[in-house]
PDB file of all heavy atoms in Angstrom:
ATOM      1  N   PRO A   1     -23.351   0.626 -14.188  1.00  0.00           N
ATOM      2  CA  PRO A   1     -22.892   1.254 -15.509  1.00  0.00           C
ATOM      3  C   PRO A   1     -21.838   2.320 -15.343  1.00  0.00           C
ATOM      4  O   PRO A   1     -22.012   3.507 -15.504  1.00  0.00           O
ATOM      5  CB  PRO A   1     -24.214   1.928 -15.957  1.00  0.00           C
ATOM      6  CG  PRO A   1     -24.944   2.193 -14.697  1.00  0.00           C
ATOM      7  CD  PRO A   1     -24.607   1.072 -13.736  1.00  0.00           C
ATOM      8  N   ILE A   2     -20.628   1.861 -14.987  1.00  0.00           N
ATOM      9  CA  ILE A   2     -19.490   2.797 -14.788  1.00  0.00           C
ATOM     10  C   ILE A   2     -18.403   2.390 -15.717  1.00  0.00           C
ATOM     11  O   ILE A   2     -18.339   1.242 -16.275  1.00  0.00           O
ATOM     12  CB  ILE A   2     -18.957   2.786 -13.349  1.00  0.00           C
ATOM     13  CG1 ILE A   2     -18.282   1.421 -12.959  1.00  0.00           C
ATOM     14  CG2 ILE A   2     -20.059   3.102 -12.325  1.00  0.00           C
ATOM     15  CD1 ILE A   2     -17.577   1.446 -11.674  1.00  0.00           C
ATOM     16  N   GLN A   3     -17.479   3.312 -16.032  1.00  0.00           N
ATOM     17  CA  GLN A   3     -16.442   3.130 -17.020  1.00  0.00           C
ATOM     18  C   GLN A   3     -15.023   3.306 -16.407  1.00  0.00           C
ATOM     19  O   GLN A   3     -14.039   3.055 -17.175  1.00  0.00           O
ATOM     20  CB  GLN A   3     -16.636   4.142 -18.194  1.00  0.00           C
ATOM     21  CG  GLN A   3     -17.878   3.911 -19.000  1.00  0.00           C
ATOM     22  CD  GLN A   3     -19.142   4.335 -18.310  1.00  0.00           C
ATOM     23  OE1 GLN A   3     -19.152   5.320 -17.516  1.00  0.00           O
ATOM     24  NE2 GLN A   3     -20.253   3.611 -18.521  1.00  0.00           N
ATOM     25  N   HIS A   4     -14.919   3.699 -15.203  1.00  0.00           N
ATOM     26  CA  HIS A   4     -13.595   4.093 -14.610  1.00  0.00           C
ATOM     27  C   HIS A   4     -13.611   3.778 -13.145  1.00  0.00           C
ATOM     28  O   HIS A   4     -14.622   4.024 -12.461  1.00  0.00           O
ATOM     29  CB  HIS A   4     -13.315   5.527 -14.933  1.00  0.00           C
ATOM     30  CG  HIS A   4     -11.957   6.043 -14.583  1.00  0.00           C
ATOM     31  ND1 HIS A   4     -11.577   6.265 -13.269  1.00  0.00           N
ATOM     32  CD2 HIS A   4     -10.890   6.330 -15.343  1.00  0.00           C
ATOM     33  CE1 HIS A   4     -10.310   6.689 -13.234  1.00  0.00           C
ATOM     34  NE2 HIS A   4      -9.827   6.722 -14.502  1.00  0.00           N
ATOM     35  N   ILE A   5     -12.494   3.370 -12.639  1.00  0.00           N
ATOM     36  CA  ILE A   5     -12.317   3.117 -11.164  1.00  0.00           C
ATOM     37  C   ILE A   5     -10.955   3.694 -10.773  1.00  0.00           C
ATOM     38  O   ILE A   5      -9.959   3.325 -11.312  1.00  0.00           O
ATOM     39  CB  ILE A   5     -12.449   1.664 -10.742  1.00  0.00           C
ATOM     40  CG1 ILE A   5     -13.880   1.151 -10.935  1.00  0.00           C
ATOM     41  CG2 ILE A   5     -11.954   1.416  -9.312  1.00  0.00           C
ATOM     42  CD1 ILE A   5     -14.085  -0.347 -10.617  1.00  0.00           C
ATOM     43  N   SER A   6     -10.969   4.554  -9.748  1.00  0.00           N
ATOM     44  CA  SER A   6      -9.760   5.055  -9.139  1.00  0.00           C
ATOM     45  C   SER A   6      -9.641   4.304  -7.803  1.00  0.00           C
ATOM     46  O   SER A   6     -10.459   4.465  -6.962  1.00  0.00           O
ATOM     47  CB  SER A   6      -9.798   6.558  -8.889  1.00  0.00           C
ATOM     48  OG  SER A   6      -9.843   7.288 -10.122  1.00  0.00           O
ATOM     49  N   ALA A   7      -8.566   3.492  -7.676  1.00  0.00           N
ATOM     50  CA  ALA A   7      -8.420   2.634  -6.544  1.00  0.00           C
ATOM     51  C   ALA A   7      -7.139   3.028  -5.747  1.00  0.00           C
ATOM     52  O   ALA A   7      -6.036   3.027  -6.268  1.00  0.00           O
ATOM     53  CB  ALA A   7      -8.292   1.150  -6.970  1.00  0.00           C
ATOM     54  N   TYR A   8      -7.358   3.369  -4.489  1.00  0.00           N
ATOM     55  CA  TYR A   8      -6.298   3.877  -3.670  1.00  0.00           C
ATOM     56  C   TYR A   8      -6.068   2.993  -2.426  1.00  0.00           C
ATOM     57  O   TYR A   8      -6.971   2.555  -1.823  1.00  0.00           O
ATOM     58  CB  TYR A   8      -6.661   5.320  -3.159  1.00  0.00           C
ATOM     59  CG  TYR A   8      -6.951   6.276  -4.284  1.00  0.00           C
ATOM     60  CD1 TYR A   8      -8.244   6.612  -4.551  1.00  0.00           C
ATOM     61  CD2 TYR A   8      -5.905   6.836  -5.037  1.00  0.00           C
ATOM     62  CE1 TYR A   8      -8.535   7.503  -5.608  1.00  0.00           C
ATOM     63  CE2 TYR A   8      -6.197   7.697  -6.052  1.00  0.00           C
ATOM     64  CZ  TYR A   8      -7.520   8.024  -6.325  1.00  0.00           C
ATOM     65  OH  TYR A   8      -7.837   8.927  -7.390  1.00  0.00           O
ATOM     66  N   ILE A   9      -4.755   2.796  -2.147  1.00  0.00           N
ATOM     67  CA  ILE A   9      -4.404   2.115  -0.869  1.00  0.00           C
ATOM     68  C   ILE A   9      -4.565   3.209   0.210  1.00  0.00           C
ATOM     69  O   ILE A   9      -4.043   4.262   0.117  1.00  0.00           O
ATOM     70  CB  ILE A   9      -2.919   1.636  -0.987  1.00  0.00           C
ATOM     71  CG1 ILE A   9      -2.851   0.520  -2.010  1.00  0.00           C
ATOM     72  CG2 ILE A   9      -2.464   1.149   0.376  1.00  0.00           C
ATOM     73  CD1 ILE A   9      -1.433   0.035  -2.288  1.00  0.00           C
ATOM     74  N   LEU A  10      -5.253   2.795   1.336  1.00  0.00           N
ATOM     75  CA  LEU A  10      -5.411   3.721   2.423  1.00  0.00           C
ATOM     76  C   LEU A  10      -4.061   4.041   3.052  1.00  0.00           C
ATOM     77  O   LEU A  10      -3.295   3.127   3.431  1.00  0.00           O
ATOM     78  CB  LEU A  10      -6.335   3.097   3.475  1.00  0.00           C
ATOM     79  CG  LEU A  10      -6.455   3.895   4.781  1.00  0.00           C
ATOM     80  CD1 LEU A  10      -7.095   5.280   4.520  1.00  0.00           C
ATOM     81  CD2 LEU A  10      -7.337   3.118   5.792  1.00  0.00           C
ATOM     82  N   LYS A  11      -3.743   5.303   3.165  1.00  0.00           N
ATOM     83  CA  LYS A  11      -2.498   5.732   3.772  1.00  0.00           C
ATOM     84  C   LYS A  11      -2.849   6.671   4.900  1.00  0.00           C
ATOM     85  O   LYS A  11      -3.783   7.483   4.821  1.00  0.00           O
ATOM     86  CB  LYS A  11      -1.607   6.454   2.756  1.00  0.00           C
ATOM     87  CG  LYS A  11      -1.010   5.421   1.730  1.00  0.00           C
ATOM     88  CD  LYS A  11      -0.120   6.193   0.736  1.00  0.00           C
ATOM     89  CE  LYS A  11       0.413   5.167  -0.270  1.00  0.00           C
ATOM     90  NZ  LYS A  11       1.231   5.839  -1.320  1.00  0.00           N
ATOM     91  N   ILE A  12      -2.101   6.607   6.014  1.00  0.00           N
ATOM     92  CA  ILE A  12      -2.318   7.453   7.111  1.00  0.00           C
ATOM     93  C   ILE A  12      -1.577   8.786   6.886  1.00  0.00           C
ATOM     94  O   ILE A  12      -0.346   8.790   6.823  1.00  0.00           O
ATOM     95  CB  ILE A  12      -1.803   6.810   8.453  1.00  0.00           C
ATOM     96  CG1 ILE A  12      -2.476   5.447   8.626  1.00  0.00           C
ATOM     97  CG2 ILE A  12      -2.104   7.727   9.627  1.00  0.00           C
ATOM     98  CD1 ILE A  12      -3.988   5.447   8.744  1.00  0.00           C
ATOM     99  N   GLU A  13      -2.373   9.851   6.688  1.00  0.00           N
ATOM    100  CA  GLU A  13      -1.726  11.142   6.436  1.00  0.00           C
ATOM    101  C   GLU A  13      -1.518  11.902   7.746  1.00  0.00           C
ATOM    102  O   GLU A  13      -2.352  11.764   8.698  1.00  0.00           O
ATOM    103  CB  GLU A  13      -2.660  11.970   5.510  1.00  0.00           C
ATOM    104  CG  GLU A  13      -2.988  11.309   4.209  1.00  0.00           C
ATOM    105  CD  GLU A  13      -1.810  11.182   3.278  1.00  0.00           C
ATOM    106  OE1 GLU A  13      -0.771  11.764   3.538  1.00  0.00           O
ATOM    107  OE2 GLU A  13      -1.910  10.509   2.220  1.00  0.00           O
ATOM    108  N   ASN A  14      -0.444  12.637   7.826  1.00  0.00           N
ATOM    109  CA  ASN A  14      -0.150  13.418   9.022  1.00  0.00           C
ATOM    110  C   ASN A  14      -1.274  14.381   9.384  1.00  0.00           C
ATOM    111  O   ASN A  14      -1.893  14.986   8.526  1.00  0.00           O
ATOM    112  CB  ASN A  14       1.140  14.211   8.815  1.00  0.00           C
ATOM    113  CG  ASN A  14       2.416  13.305   8.714  1.00  0.00           C
ATOM    114  OD1 ASN A  14       2.346  12.172   9.204  1.00  0.00           O
ATOM    115  ND2 ASN A  14       3.434  13.781   8.096  1.00  0.00           N
ATOM    116  N   ASN A  15      -1.456  14.491  10.709  1.00  0.00           N
ATOM    117  CA  ASN A  15      -2.420  15.450  11.216  1.00  0.00           C
ATOM    118  C   ASN A  15      -3.886  15.235  10.830  1.00  0.00           C
ATOM    119  O   ASN A  15      -4.681  16.182  10.784  1.00  0.00           O
ATOM    120  CB  ASN A  15      -1.987  16.910  10.833  1.00  0.00           C
ATOM    121  CG  ASN A  15      -0.611  17.244  11.341  1.00  0.00           C
ATOM    122  OD1 ASN A  15      -0.256  16.909  12.563  1.00  0.00           O
ATOM    123  ND2 ASN A  15       0.206  17.827  10.533  1.00  0.00           N
ATOM    124  N   THR A  16      -4.234  13.992  10.461  1.00  0.00           N
ATOM    125  CA  THR A  16      -5.621  13.605  10.249  1.00  0.00           C
ATOM    126  C   THR A  16      -6.017  12.811  11.458  1.00  0.00           C
ATOM    127  O   THR A  16      -5.209  12.330  12.234  1.00  0.00           O
ATOM    128  CB  THR A  16      -5.759  12.750   8.987  1.00  0.00           C
ATOM    129  OG1 THR A  16      -5.045  11.534   9.145  1.00  0.00           O
ATOM    130  CG2 THR A  16      -5.274  13.521   7.729  1.00  0.00           C
ATOM    131  N   PRO A  17      -7.355  12.638  11.672  1.00  0.00           N
ATOM    132  CA  PRO A  17      -7.850  11.862  12.779  1.00  0.00           C
ATOM    133  C   PRO A  17      -7.265  10.404  12.803  1.00  0.00           C
ATOM    134  O   PRO A  17      -7.197   9.768  13.857  1.00  0.00           O
ATOM    135  CB  PRO A  17      -9.338  11.892  12.669  1.00  0.00           C
ATOM    136  CG  PRO A  17      -9.637  13.194  11.999  1.00  0.00           C
ATOM    137  CD  PRO A  17      -8.504  13.364  11.042  1.00  0.00           C
ATOM    138  N   PHE A  18      -6.983   9.929  11.670  1.00  0.00           N
ATOM    139  CA  PHE A  18      -6.370   8.565  11.531  1.00  0.00           C
ATOM    140  C   PHE A  18      -4.936   8.500  11.984  1.00  0.00           C
ATOM    141  O   PHE A  18      -4.403   7.408  12.122  1.00  0.00           O
ATOM    142  CB  PHE A  18      -6.545   8.009  10.104  1.00  0.00           C
ATOM    143  CG  PHE A  18      -7.862   7.311   9.823  1.00  0.00           C
ATOM    144  CD1 PHE A  18      -8.900   7.414  10.777  1.00  0.00           C
ATOM    145  CD2 PHE A  18      -8.093   6.593   8.662  1.00  0.00           C
ATOM    146  CE1 PHE A  18     -10.146   6.799  10.519  1.00  0.00           C
ATOM    147  CE2 PHE A  18      -9.283   5.986   8.392  1.00  0.00           C
ATOM    148  CZ  PHE A  18     -10.338   6.083   9.315  1.00  0.00           C
ATOM    149  N   ASP A  19      -4.298   9.661  12.153  1.00  0.00           N
ATOM    150  CA  ASP A  19      -2.928   9.724  12.504  1.00  0.00           C
ATOM    151  C   ASP A  19      -2.775   9.470  13.964  1.00  0.00           C
ATOM    152  O   ASP A  19      -2.449  10.390  14.749  1.00  0.00           O
ATOM    153  CB  ASP A  19      -2.298  11.078  12.083  1.00  0.00           C
ATOM    154  CG  ASP A  19      -0.814  11.130  12.318  1.00  0.00           C
ATOM    155  OD1 ASP A  19      -0.212  10.088  12.542  1.00  0.00           O
ATOM    156  OD2 ASP A  19      -0.321  12.296  12.315  1.00  0.00           O
ATOM    157  N   CYS A  20      -3.080   8.245  14.401  1.00  0.00           N
ATOM    158  CA  CYS A  20      -3.010   7.853  15.859  1.00  0.00           C
ATOM    159  C   CYS A  20      -2.700   6.381  15.944  1.00  0.00           C
ATOM    160  O   CYS A  20      -2.872   5.619  14.971  1.00  0.00           O
ATOM    161  CB  CYS A  20      -4.339   8.178  16.530  1.00  0.00           C
ATOM    162  SG  CYS A  20      -5.712   7.242  15.945  1.00  0.00           S
ATOM    163  N   ASN A  21      -2.099   5.948  17.080  1.00  0.00           N
ATOM    164  CA  ASN A  21      -1.659   4.650  17.233  1.00  0.00           C
ATOM    165  C   ASN A  21      -2.799   3.635  17.103  1.00  0.00           C
ATOM    166  O   ASN A  21      -2.626   2.496  16.593  1.00  0.00           O
ATOM    167  CB  ASN A  21      -1.000   4.435  18.543  1.00  0.00           C
ATOM    168  CG  ASN A  21       0.407   5.173  18.578  1.00  0.00           C
ATOM    169  OD1 ASN A  21       1.011   5.286  17.486  1.00  0.00           O
ATOM    170  ND2 ASN A  21       0.817   5.582  19.774  1.00  0.00           N
ATOM    171  N   GLU A  22      -3.973   4.042  17.588  1.00  0.00           N
ATOM    172  CA  GLU A  22      -5.137   3.088  17.578  1.00  0.00           C
ATOM    173  C   GLU A  22      -5.401   2.611  16.112  1.00  0.00           C
ATOM    174  O   GLU A  22      -5.617   1.388  15.892  1.00  0.00           O
ATOM    175  CB  GLU A  22      -6.394   3.793  18.129  1.00  0.00           C
ATOM    176  CG  GLU A  22      -7.606   2.850  18.125  1.00  0.00           C
ATOM    177  CD  GLU A  22      -8.833   3.562  18.626  1.00  0.00           C
ATOM    178  OE1 GLU A  22      -8.775   4.718  19.003  1.00  0.00           O
ATOM    179  OE2 GLU A  22      -9.931   2.921  18.663  1.00  0.00           O
ATOM    180  N   VAL A  23      -5.415   3.595  15.172  1.00  0.00           N
ATOM    181  CA  VAL A  23      -5.634   3.242  13.809  1.00  0.00           C
ATOM    182  C   VAL A  23      -4.431   2.600  13.152  1.00  0.00           C
ATOM    183  O   VAL A  23      -4.552   1.608  12.401  1.00  0.00           O
ATOM    184  CB  VAL A  23      -6.088   4.440  12.948  1.00  0.00           C
ATOM    185  CG1 VAL A  23      -6.268   4.098  11.504  1.00  0.00           C
ATOM    186  CG2 VAL A  23      -7.396   4.991  13.510  1.00  0.00           C
ATOM    187  N   LYS A  24      -3.280   3.197  13.353  1.00  0.00           N
ATOM    188  CA  LYS A  24      -2.010   2.582  12.830  1.00  0.00           C
ATOM    189  C   LYS A  24      -1.793   1.140  13.148  1.00  0.00           C
ATOM    190  O   LYS A  24      -1.389   0.333  12.344  1.00  0.00           O
ATOM    191  CB  LYS A  24      -0.795   3.428  13.316  1.00  0.00           C
ATOM    192  CG  LYS A  24      -0.741   4.848  12.701  1.00  0.00           C
ATOM    193  CD  LYS A  24       0.409   5.609  13.274  1.00  0.00           C
ATOM    194  CE  LYS A  24       0.473   7.036  12.658  1.00  0.00           C
ATOM    195  NZ  LYS A  24       1.599   7.830  13.266  1.00  0.00           N
ATOM    196  N   ASN A  25      -2.169   0.752  14.375  1.00  0.00           N
ATOM    197  CA  ASN A  25      -1.992  -0.654  14.812  1.00  0.00           C
ATOM    198  C   ASN A  25      -3.009  -1.568  14.169  1.00  0.00           C
ATOM    199  O   ASN A  25      -2.842  -2.768  14.212  1.00  0.00           O
ATOM    200  CB  ASN A  25      -2.142  -0.736  16.333  1.00  0.00           C
ATOM    201  CG  ASN A  25      -0.979  -0.031  17.078  1.00  0.00           C
ATOM    202  OD1 ASN A  25       0.104   0.116  16.519  1.00  0.00           O
ATOM    203  ND2 ASN A  25      -1.213   0.403  18.336  1.00  0.00           N
ATOM    204  N   MET A  26      -4.028  -1.012  13.588  1.00  0.00           N
ATOM    205  CA  MET A  26      -5.055  -1.826  12.880  1.00  0.00           C
ATOM    206  C   MET A  26      -4.716  -2.091  11.422  1.00  0.00           C
ATOM    207  O   MET A  26      -5.324  -2.896  10.782  1.00  0.00           O
ATOM    208  CB  MET A  26      -6.392  -1.153  12.970  1.00  0.00           C
ATOM    209  CG  MET A  26      -7.015  -0.977  14.329  1.00  0.00           C
ATOM    210  SD  MET A  26      -8.442   0.137  14.390  1.00  0.00           S
ATOM    211  CE  MET A  26      -9.612  -0.776  13.382  1.00  0.00           C
ATOM    212  N   MET A  27      -3.727  -1.298  10.903  1.00  0.00           N
ATOM    213  CA  MET A  27      -3.513  -1.375   9.461  1.00  0.00           C
ATOM    214  C   MET A  27      -2.838  -2.656   9.068  1.00  0.00           C
ATOM    215  O   MET A  27      -2.060  -3.221   9.761  1.00  0.00           O
ATOM    216  CB  MET A  27      -2.612  -0.181   9.076  1.00  0.00           C
ATOM    217  CG  MET A  27      -3.189   1.189   9.290  1.00  0.00           C
ATOM    218  SD  MET A  27      -4.617   1.497   8.215  1.00  0.00           S
ATOM    219  CE  MET A  27      -3.805   1.651   6.659  1.00  0.00           C
ATOM    220  N   PRO A  28      -3.207  -3.144   7.859  1.00  0.00           N
ATOM    221  CA  PRO A  28      -2.643  -4.412   7.415  1.00  0.00           C
ATOM    222  C   PRO A  28      -1.107  -4.259   7.081  1.00  0.00           C
ATOM    223  O   PRO A  28      -0.672  -3.161   6.818  1.00  0.00           O
ATOM    224  CB  PRO A  28      -3.396  -4.717   6.100  1.00  0.00           C
ATOM    225  CG  PRO A  28      -3.935  -3.403   5.630  1.00  0.00           C
ATOM    226  CD  PRO A  28      -4.152  -2.605   6.911  1.00  0.00           C
ATOM    227  N   ASP A  29      -0.384  -5.368   7.209  1.00  0.00           N
ATOM    228  CA  ASP A  29       1.068  -5.260   6.939  1.00  0.00           C
ATOM    229  C   ASP A  29       1.338  -5.197   5.407  1.00  0.00           C
ATOM    230  O   ASP A  29       0.395  -5.293   4.576  1.00  0.00           O
ATOM    231  CB  ASP A  29       1.824  -6.414   7.547  1.00  0.00           C
ATOM    232  CG  ASP A  29       1.364  -7.823   6.994  1.00  0.00           C
ATOM    233  OD1 ASP A  29       0.843  -7.895   5.829  1.00  0.00           O
ATOM    234  OD2 ASP A  29       1.460  -8.790   7.761  1.00  0.00           O
ATOM    235  N   GLU A  30       2.600  -5.040   5.028  1.00  0.00           N
ATOM    236  CA  GLU A  30       2.900  -4.788   3.610  1.00  0.00           C
ATOM    237  C   GLU A  30       2.556  -6.001   2.757  1.00  0.00           C
ATOM    238  O   GLU A  30       2.078  -5.833   1.545  1.00  0.00           O
ATOM    239  CB  GLU A  30       4.410  -4.507   3.480  1.00  0.00           C
ATOM    240  CG  GLU A  30       4.826  -3.157   4.009  1.00  0.00           C
ATOM    241  CD  GLU A  30       6.271  -2.866   3.747  1.00  0.00           C
ATOM    242  OE1 GLU A  30       6.954  -3.694   3.124  1.00  0.00           O
ATOM    243  OE2 GLU A  30       6.745  -1.758   4.147  1.00  0.00           O
ATOM    244  N   ASP A  31       2.731  -7.193   3.270  1.00  0.00           N
ATOM    245  CA  ASP A  31       2.422  -8.406   2.453  1.00  0.00           C
ATOM    246  C   ASP A  31       0.913  -8.504   2.191  1.00  0.00           C
ATOM    247  O   ASP A  31       0.524  -8.844   1.077  1.00  0.00           O
ATOM    248  CB  ASP A  31       2.948  -9.673   3.136  1.00  0.00           C
ATOM    249  CG  ASP A  31       4.424  -9.808   3.115  1.00  0.00           C
ATOM    250  OD1 ASP A  31       5.060  -9.118   2.283  1.00  0.00           O
ATOM    251  OD2 ASP A  31       4.978 -10.575   3.965  1.00  0.00           O
ATOM    252  N   THR A  32       0.129  -8.249   3.205  1.00  0.00           N
ATOM    253  CA  THR A  32      -1.347  -8.249   3.039  1.00  0.00           C
ATOM    254  C   THR A  32      -1.785  -7.182   2.064  1.00  0.00           C
ATOM    255  O   THR A  32      -2.633  -7.400   1.198  1.00  0.00           O
ATOM    256  CB  THR A  32      -2.043  -8.074   4.368  1.00  0.00           C
ATOM    257  OG1 THR A  32      -1.592  -9.062   5.272  1.00  0.00           O
ATOM    258  CG2 THR A  32      -3.555  -8.115   4.214  1.00  0.00           C
ATOM    259  N   THR A  33      -1.212  -5.994   2.170  1.00  0.00           N
ATOM    260  CA  THR A  33      -1.522  -4.908   1.321  1.00  0.00           C
ATOM    261  C   THR A  33      -1.178  -5.305  -0.154  1.00  0.00           C
ATOM    262  O   THR A  33      -2.007  -5.033  -1.124  1.00  0.00           O
ATOM    263  CB  THR A  33      -0.766  -3.663   1.648  1.00  0.00           C
ATOM    264  OG1 THR A  33      -1.197  -3.247   3.006  1.00  0.00           O
ATOM    265  CG2 THR A  33      -1.073  -2.451   0.719  1.00  0.00           C
ATOM    266  N   ALA A  34      -0.017  -5.863  -0.357  1.00  0.00           N
ATOM    267  CA  ALA A  34       0.423  -6.252  -1.706  1.00  0.00           C
ATOM    268  C   ALA A  34      -0.525  -7.320  -2.264  1.00  0.00           C
ATOM    269  O   ALA A  34      -0.919  -7.234  -3.421  1.00  0.00           O
ATOM    270  CB  ALA A  34       1.861  -6.766  -1.637  1.00  0.00           C
ATOM    271  N   ASP A  35      -0.914  -8.295  -1.463  1.00  0.00           N
ATOM    272  CA  ASP A  35      -1.829  -9.325  -1.941  1.00  0.00           C
ATOM    273  C   ASP A  35      -3.182  -8.729  -2.384  1.00  0.00           C
ATOM    274  O   ASP A  35      -3.733  -9.122  -3.435  1.00  0.00           O
ATOM    275  CB  ASP A  35      -2.070 -10.378  -0.855  1.00  0.00           C
ATOM    276  CG  ASP A  35      -0.798 -11.247  -0.590  1.00  0.00           C
ATOM    277  OD1 ASP A  35       0.062 -11.230  -1.464  1.00  0.00           O
ATOM    278  OD2 ASP A  35      -0.763 -11.865   0.477  1.00  0.00           O
ATOM    279  N   LEU A  36      -3.691  -7.821  -1.582  1.00  0.00           N
ATOM    280  CA  LEU A  36      -4.934  -7.184  -1.902  1.00  0.00           C
ATOM    281  C   LEU A  36      -4.862  -6.349  -3.203  1.00  0.00           C
ATOM    282  O   LEU A  36      -5.768  -6.374  -4.008  1.00  0.00           O
ATOM    283  CB  LEU A  36      -5.452  -6.280  -0.721  1.00  0.00           C
ATOM    284  CG  LEU A  36      -5.992  -7.002   0.491  1.00  0.00           C
ATOM    285  CD1 LEU A  36      -6.144  -5.986   1.661  1.00  0.00           C
ATOM    286  CD2 LEU A  36      -7.273  -7.759   0.253  1.00  0.00           C
ATOM    287  N   TYR A  37      -3.769  -5.621  -3.355  1.00  0.00           N
ATOM    288  CA  TYR A  37      -3.592  -4.838  -4.526  1.00  0.00           C
ATOM    289  C   TYR A  37      -3.506  -5.699  -5.807  1.00  0.00           C
ATOM    290  O   TYR A  37      -4.209  -5.425  -6.802  1.00  0.00           O
ATOM    291  CB  TYR A  37      -2.255  -4.015  -4.390  1.00  0.00           C
ATOM    292  CG  TYR A  37      -1.967  -3.096  -5.552  1.00  0.00           C
ATOM    293  CD1 TYR A  37      -2.427  -1.827  -5.607  1.00  0.00           C
ATOM    294  CD2 TYR A  37      -1.178  -3.577  -6.606  1.00  0.00           C
ATOM    295  CE1 TYR A  37      -2.175  -0.961  -6.704  1.00  0.00           C
ATOM    296  CE2 TYR A  37      -0.826  -2.733  -7.702  1.00  0.00           C
ATOM    297  CZ  TYR A  37      -1.327  -1.489  -7.722  1.00  0.00           C
ATOM    298  OH  TYR A  37      -1.047  -0.648  -8.812  1.00  0.00           O
ATOM    299  N   ILE A  38      -2.730  -6.716  -5.732  1.00  0.00           N
ATOM    300  CA  ILE A  38      -2.568  -7.626  -6.924  1.00  0.00           C
ATOM    301  C   ILE A  38      -3.932  -8.341  -7.231  1.00  0.00           C
ATOM    302  O   ILE A  38      -4.319  -8.446  -8.355  1.00  0.00           O
ATOM    303  CB  ILE A  38      -1.481  -8.637  -6.686  1.00  0.00           C
ATOM    304  CG1 ILE A  38      -0.102  -7.917  -6.729  1.00  0.00           C
ATOM    305  CG2 ILE A  38      -1.503  -9.751  -7.747  1.00  0.00           C
ATOM    306  CD1 ILE A  38       1.064  -8.746  -6.217  1.00  0.00           C
ATOM    307  N   TYR A  39      -4.583  -8.725  -6.160  1.00  0.00           N
ATOM    308  CA  TYR A  39      -5.955  -9.367  -6.328  1.00  0.00           C
ATOM    309  C   TYR A  39      -6.899  -8.394  -6.981  1.00  0.00           C
ATOM    310  O   TYR A  39      -7.673  -8.727  -7.886  1.00  0.00           O
ATOM    311  CB  TYR A  39      -6.400  -9.773  -4.964  1.00  0.00           C
ATOM    312  CG  TYR A  39      -7.766 -10.542  -4.972  1.00  0.00           C
ATOM    313  CD1 TYR A  39      -7.959 -11.700  -5.717  1.00  0.00           C
ATOM    314  CD2 TYR A  39      -8.821 -10.126  -4.126  1.00  0.00           C
ATOM    315  CE1 TYR A  39      -9.169 -12.393  -5.695  1.00  0.00           C
ATOM    316  CE2 TYR A  39     -10.012 -10.831  -4.110  1.00  0.00           C
ATOM    317  CZ  TYR A  39     -10.155 -11.956  -4.888  1.00  0.00           C
ATOM    318  OH  TYR A  39     -11.388 -12.642  -4.873  1.00  0.00           O
TER     319      TYR A  39
END
């Protein structure tokens, strides 16, 4: 029973724990991200 959804693409922000090569190398490419967003 919800009325609103805020949907965000995960972005790697500077100086966060995700700001490392291990996570960056796991991130989907632009085409995959675009497909998921449109879907």
